[in-house]
């Protein structure tokens, strides 16, 4: 079964997201090794250090906090984080990040999702990272999903949504830039993709926080949600490792907490409990979540 939103709205600036991601917290097996990788491969800077971990991000904001404590790298099959996506705001920055990863000999998968361009790679514990440049203006509408994932661009051409990018064409946009400069200050957490025990209950749960259904492919075991702006990818989930899997073990590398920020709307989810000026709970993937009012 396939469900989607209507065809694309071409006025992408007319509506903003009601939710955004704050910080994500990951536990790793070797903190020094993880910090070295995340700062080198992504160009993140160390913002501060606490007794429990390292906060990394840009000059503008913290994006990721790395904690020690894991005893084993990522292994299957468990629910939790599938990958975390860091968004960049320009083609030049996306291409510069591709040049950076190639320069550092990081194995990377450049992928064209049509609504976005993405670079996929893994940290030393097997945690998957995505660098994404959102391009919703290239998307027109979905095709016949009963025959597979099919999208149409604004020129009427079909796309699989999972094809490879032309690496040489992408790198051309990085000409004259420094691949080893820090990640651009306006970079942000674009989305999280979860492994969940079942799609429908997870969709229902996240709807109570303010996310909305964008695309559901039951036959593929995948669903995607937005947060207000048309044709944007803010949260995804899958059951590709099988349904009804348990949460990740407490000693495994993975996502242990994330923060969501609300913008202009009051959230009264039955799944979150008030704690001072924030709401807290545990999501369907077994991960702790804090929801607070954003700026």
Protein backbone atom coordinates (compact mmCIF):
# COMPACT_ATOMS: atom_id res chain seq x y z
CA UNK A 1 0.00 0.00 0.00
CA UNK A 2 1.18 3.52 -0.78
CA UNK A 3 0.08 6.84 0.64
CA UNK A 4 1.49 10.26 -0.19
CA UNK A 5 0.75 13.96 0.03
CA UNK A 6 -0.55 15.82 -3.04
CA UNK A 7 1.69 17.05 -5.84
CA UNK A 8 4.41 19.52 -5.01
CA UNK A 9 3.72 23.08 -3.95
CA UNK A 10 6.13 25.26 -5.89
CA UNK A 11 6.15 28.06 -3.28
CA UNK A 12 8.59 26.43 -0.88
CA UNK A 13 9.14 29.55 1.25
CA UNK A 14 5.46 30.05 2.08
CA UNK A 15 5.45 27.68 5.01
CA UNK A 16 8.04 26.86 7.66
CA UNK A 17 8.52 23.85 9.89
CA UNK A 18 6.72 23.67 13.23
CA UNK A 19 9.44 21.38 14.61
CA UNK A 20 13.20 21.27 14.25
CA UNK A 21 15.97 19.10 15.65
CA UNK A 22 18.05 20.32 18.55
CA UNK A 23 21.00 18.08 19.37
CA UNK A 24 21.49 14.33 19.04
CA UNK A 25 23.50 12.38 21.60
CA UNK A 26 25.41 9.27 20.58
CA UNK A 27 27.36 6.79 22.68
CA UNK A 28 30.52 5.34 21.17
CA UNK A 29 33.10 2.71 22.04
CA UNK A 30 36.14 5.00 21.85
CA UNK A 31 35.45 8.68 22.52
CA UNK A 32 38.82 10.01 21.32
CA UNK A 33 38.58 8.03 18.09
CA UNK A 34 34.99 9.17 17.49
CA UNK A 35 35.78 12.84 18.13
CA UNK A 36 38.73 12.61 15.74
CA UNK A 37 36.53 11.12 13.01
CA UNK A 38 33.57 13.48 13.39
CA UNK A 39 35.78 16.56 13.44
CA UNK A 40 37.94 15.37 10.56
CA UNK A 41 35.37 13.85 8.21
CA UNK A 42 32.59 16.38 8.82
CA UNK A 43 34.59 19.45 9.76
CA UNK A 44 32.74 19.84 13.05
CA UNK A 45 34.40 21.90 15.75
CA UNK A 46 34.60 21.03 19.44
CA UNK A 47 32.26 23.38 21.27
CA UNK A 48 32.74 22.17 24.81
CA UNK A 49 33.68 19.17 26.89
CA UNK A 50 31.78 17.81 29.87
CA UNK A 51 32.43 14.92 32.20
CA UNK A 52 30.12 12.77 30.08
CA UNK A 53 31.13 13.67 26.54
CA UNK A 54 32.08 16.09 23.78
CA UNK A 55 29.75 18.59 22.12
CA UNK A 56 30.48 19.12 18.41
CA UNK A 57 28.98 21.47 15.89
CA UNK A 58 29.53 24.78 14.11
CA UNK A 59 30.26 28.24 15.49
CA UNK A 60 26.48 28.77 15.55
CA UNK A 61 25.17 25.63 17.24
CA UNK A 62 25.85 22.24 18.77
CA UNK A 63 24.72 19.42 16.49
CA UNK A 64 26.05 16.23 18.07
CA UNK A 65 27.18 15.21 21.55
CA UNK A 66 29.41 12.13 21.72
CA UNK A 67 29.49 10.08 24.93
CA UNK A 68 31.68 7.16 25.98
CA UNK A 69 30.07 4.02 27.38
CA UNK A 70 29.41 1.69 24.48
CA UNK A 71 31.16 -1.67 24.54
CA UNK A 72 30.22 -2.92 21.07
CA UNK A 73 29.82 -1.25 17.66
CA UNK A 74 26.52 -1.13 15.79
CA UNK A 75 25.01 -4.54 15.14
CA UNK A 76 21.66 -5.86 13.95
CA UNK A 77 18.81 -6.38 14.40
CA UNK A 78 17.70 -3.72 16.87
CA UNK A 79 15.57 -0.60 16.74
CA UNK A 80 17.08 2.85 17.15
CA UNK A 81 18.88 5.20 14.80
CA UNK A 82 19.31 4.20 11.17
CA UNK A 83 21.19 7.39 10.36
CA UNK A 84 21.49 11.06 11.31
CA UNK A 85 21.43 13.69 8.56
CA UNK A 86 23.28 16.98 8.72
CA UNK A 87 21.95 19.53 6.26
CA UNK A 88 23.99 22.09 4.35
CA UNK A 89 22.45 25.18 2.81
CA UNK A 90 24.15 25.46 -0.57
CA UNK A 91 25.29 23.40 -3.53
CA UNK A 92 28.83 24.72 -3.07
CA UNK A 93 28.97 23.51 0.54
CA UNK A 94 27.54 20.11 -0.40
CA UNK A 95 30.13 19.72 -3.16
CA UNK A 96 32.90 20.89 -0.85
CA UNK A 97 31.90 18.22 1.68
CA UNK A 98 32.03 15.58 -1.07
CA UNK A 99 35.51 16.80 -2.00
CA UNK A 100 36.49 16.64 1.67
CA UNK A 101 35.38 13.04 2.12
CA UNK A 102 37.15 11.96 -1.06
CA UNK A 103 40.31 13.81 0.01
CA UNK A 104 40.24 11.99 3.37
CA UNK A 105 39.61 8.61 1.70
CA UNK A 106 36.28 8.14 3.51
CA UNK A 107 34.12 5.62 1.70
CA UNK A 108 31.04 7.58 0.63
CA UNK A 109 27.84 6.88 -1.30
CA UNK A 110 26.69 9.98 -3.27
CA UNK A 111 22.94 9.53 -3.86
CA UNK A 112 20.30 11.52 -5.74
CA UNK A 113 16.95 11.47 -3.90
CA UNK A 114 15.59 14.21 -6.22
CA UNK A 115 14.11 16.07 -3.22
CA UNK A 116 17.66 16.12 -1.89
CA UNK A 117 21.23 15.20 -2.71
CA UNK A 118 22.93 13.04 -0.10
CA UNK A 119 26.30 11.65 0.94
CA UNK A 120 26.26 8.49 3.08
CA UNK A 121 29.15 7.16 5.14
CA UNK A 122 29.87 5.49 8.50
CA UNK A 123 31.87 6.38 11.58
CA UNK A 124 34.29 3.85 13.17
CA UNK A 125 31.46 2.29 15.23
CA UNK A 126 29.25 1.78 12.18
CA UNK A 127 26.97 4.74 12.93
CA UNK A 128 25.60 5.98 9.60
CA UNK A 129 25.90 9.67 8.78
CA UNK A 130 24.28 11.58 5.95
CA UNK A 131 25.22 14.98 4.56
CA UNK A 132 22.20 16.34 2.72
CA UNK A 133 21.46 19.31 0.49
CA UNK A 134 17.69 19.73 0.24
CA UNK A 135 16.37 20.45 -3.26
CA UNK A 136 12.54 20.23 -3.04
CA UNK A 137 12.27 22.61 -5.98
CA UNK A 138 13.46 19.80 -8.29
CA UNK A 139 10.51 17.55 -7.33
CA UNK A 140 7.11 17.57 -9.06
CA UNK A 141 5.09 14.49 -8.03
CA UNK A 142 5.14 10.79 -7.22
CA UNK A 143 4.56 8.15 -9.85
CA UNK A 144 2.94 4.71 -9.65
CA UNK A 145 4.42 3.40 -6.42
CA UNK A 146 2.95 -0.08 -6.96
CA UNK A 147 5.78 -0.55 -9.48
CA UNK A 148 8.50 0.71 -7.16
CA UNK A 149 9.69 4.06 -5.87
CA UNK A 150 9.07 6.50 -8.73
CA UNK A 151 9.35 10.28 -8.66
CA UNK A 152 9.00 12.94 -11.34
CA UNK A 153 11.08 16.09 -11.59
CA UNK A 154 9.71 19.44 -12.69
CA UNK A 155 10.68 18.66 -16.29
CA UNK A 156 8.64 15.45 -16.32
CA UNK A 157 11.57 13.06 -16.08
CA UNK A 158 11.30 9.97 -13.90
CA UNK A 159 13.67 9.26 -11.01
CA UNK A 160 14.12 6.26 -8.75
CA UNK A 161 14.91 8.53 -5.83
CA UNK A 162 17.92 6.34 -5.05
CA UNK A 163 20.18 6.78 -8.07
CA UNK A 164 23.86 7.77 -7.94
CA UNK A 165 24.96 11.36 -8.27
CA UNK A 166 27.35 12.40 -11.03
CA UNK A 167 30.43 12.88 -8.86
CA UNK A 168 32.38 14.93 -11.40
CA UNK A 169 29.43 17.27 -11.93
CA UNK A 170 29.01 17.70 -8.19
CA UNK A 171 32.72 18.36 -7.62
CA UNK A 172 32.67 21.11 -10.24
CA UNK A 173 30.70 23.25 -7.78
CA UNK A 174 33.53 22.93 -5.24
CA UNK A 175 36.11 24.61 -7.48
CA UNK A 176 38.08 27.23 -5.59
CA UNK A 177 36.91 26.14 -2.14
CA UNK A 178 38.97 24.69 0.71
CA UNK A 179 37.77 21.11 1.32
CA UNK A 180 39.33 21.06 4.78
CA UNK A 181 37.66 24.21 6.11
CA UNK A 182 35.19 23.68 8.99
CA UNK A 183 31.56 22.84 8.23
CA UNK A 184 29.60 25.96 7.25
CA UNK A 185 28.09 27.85 10.19
CA UNK A 186 24.55 27.62 8.78
CA UNK A 187 24.58 23.82 8.68
CA UNK A 188 21.85 22.13 10.71
CA UNK A 189 20.34 18.81 11.73
CA UNK A 190 18.05 18.00 8.81
CA UNK A 191 16.44 14.72 9.87
CA UNK A 192 16.70 11.46 11.74
CA UNK A 193 15.93 8.08 10.23
CA UNK A 194 14.86 5.37 12.68
CA UNK A 195 14.57 1.61 12.74
CA UNK A 196 11.21 0.95 14.41
CA UNK A 197 9.33 -2.23 15.44
CA UNK A 198 6.23 -1.28 13.36
CA UNK A 199 5.40 1.60 11.02
CA UNK A 200 1.82 2.51 11.88
CA UNK A 201 2.22 2.85 15.67
CA UNK A 202 5.39 4.89 15.14
CA UNK A 203 3.63 7.20 12.66
CA UNK A 204 0.80 7.71 15.15
CA UNK A 205 3.28 8.44 17.95
CA UNK A 206 5.25 11.06 16.03
CA UNK A 207 2.05 12.71 14.78
CA UNK A 208 1.23 13.65 18.38
CA UNK A 209 4.46 15.69 18.45
CA UNK A 210 3.54 17.67 15.33
CA UNK A 211 5.08 15.67 12.50
CA UNK A 212 2.84 14.88 9.53
CA UNK A 213 2.76 11.94 7.15
CA UNK A 214 4.45 12.57 3.84
CA UNK A 215 5.04 9.17 2.26
CA UNK A 216 4.19 5.65 3.44
CA UNK A 217 5.25 2.54 1.54
CA UNK A 218 3.89 -0.38 3.52
CA UNK A 219 5.09 -2.95 0.98
CA UNK A 220 8.62 -1.56 1.28
CA UNK A 221 8.51 -1.16 5.05
CA UNK A 222 9.26 2.57 4.91
CA UNK A 223 7.61 5.84 5.92
CA UNK A 224 8.59 9.49 5.78
CA UNK A 225 7.25 12.50 7.71
CA UNK A 226 7.45 16.28 7.38
CA UNK A 227 7.04 19.05 9.94
CA UNK A 228 5.13 21.73 8.05
CA UNK A 229 7.10 22.93 5.03
CA UNK A 230 5.98 21.22 1.79
CA UNK A 231 7.92 18.23 0.46
CA UNK A 232 10.59 18.28 3.12
CA UNK A 233 12.06 15.19 4.74
CA UNK A 234 12.28 15.64 8.51
CA UNK A 235 11.87 12.13 9.91
CA UNK A 236 11.93 8.65 8.38
CA UNK A 237 11.44 5.13 9.67
CA UNK A 238 11.81 1.61 8.39
CA UNK A 239 11.37 -2.04 9.36
CA UNK A 240 13.93 -3.34 6.87
CA UNK A 241 15.65 -5.54 9.47
CA UNK A 242 12.28 -7.11 10.25
CA UNK A 243 9.29 -6.11 12.40
CA UNK A 244 9.02 -6.26 16.20
CA UNK A 245 12.76 -6.03 16.85
CA UNK A 246 13.85 -4.97 20.39
CA UNK A 247 15.62 -1.69 21.25
CA UNK A 248 19.39 -1.61 20.96
CA UNK A 249 21.28 -3.07 23.95
CA UNK A 250 22.50 -0.46 26.48
CA UNK A 251 26.14 -1.33 25.75
CA UNK A 252 25.90 -0.85 21.96
CA UNK A 253 27.01 2.23 20.03
CA UNK A 254 24.01 4.27 18.97
CA UNK A 255 21.60 7.12 19.58
CA UNK A 256 20.77 7.55 23.27
CA UNK A 257 18.91 10.88 23.29
CA UNK A 258 17.72 13.62 20.96
CA UNK A 259 16.11 17.01 21.33
CA UNK A 260 13.22 18.50 19.37
CA UNK A 261 12.32 22.18 19.29
CA UNK A 262 8.79 23.49 18.75
CA UNK A 263 8.15 26.73 16.88
CA UNK A 264 4.91 28.56 17.55
CA UNK A 265 2.72 25.61 18.49
CA UNK A 266 1.96 24.04 21.85
CA UNK A 267 2.51 20.28 21.94
CA UNK A 268 0.34 18.21 24.27
CA UNK A 269 1.42 14.69 23.39
CA UNK A 270 0.08 11.93 25.65
CA UNK A 271 3.44 10.20 25.24
CA UNK A 272 5.53 12.93 26.90
CA UNK A 273 5.63 13.99 30.53
CA UNK A 274 6.29 17.53 31.76
CA UNK A 275 9.63 18.05 33.47
CA UNK A 276 10.11 21.70 34.51
CA UNK A 277 9.98 23.66 31.23
CA UNK A 278 10.42 20.68 28.87
CA UNK A 279 8.58 17.49 27.91
CA UNK A 280 10.31 14.10 28.07
CA UNK A 281 9.55 10.59 26.92
CA UNK A 282 10.78 7.53 25.04
CA UNK A 283 10.00 7.12 21.35
CA UNK A 284 8.83 3.93 19.55
CA UNK A 285 12.45 3.02 18.75
CA UNK A 286 13.31 3.07 22.46
CA UNK A 287 15.25 6.35 22.37
CA UNK A 288 14.91 9.12 24.97
CA UNK A 289 13.50 12.39 23.62
CA UNK A 290 13.26 15.91 25.05
CA UNK A 291 10.92 18.47 23.52
CA UNK A 292 11.37 22.15 24.30
CA UNK A 293 10.23 25.50 22.95
CA UNK A 294 12.63 26.84 20.34
CA UNK A 295 13.55 30.40 19.42
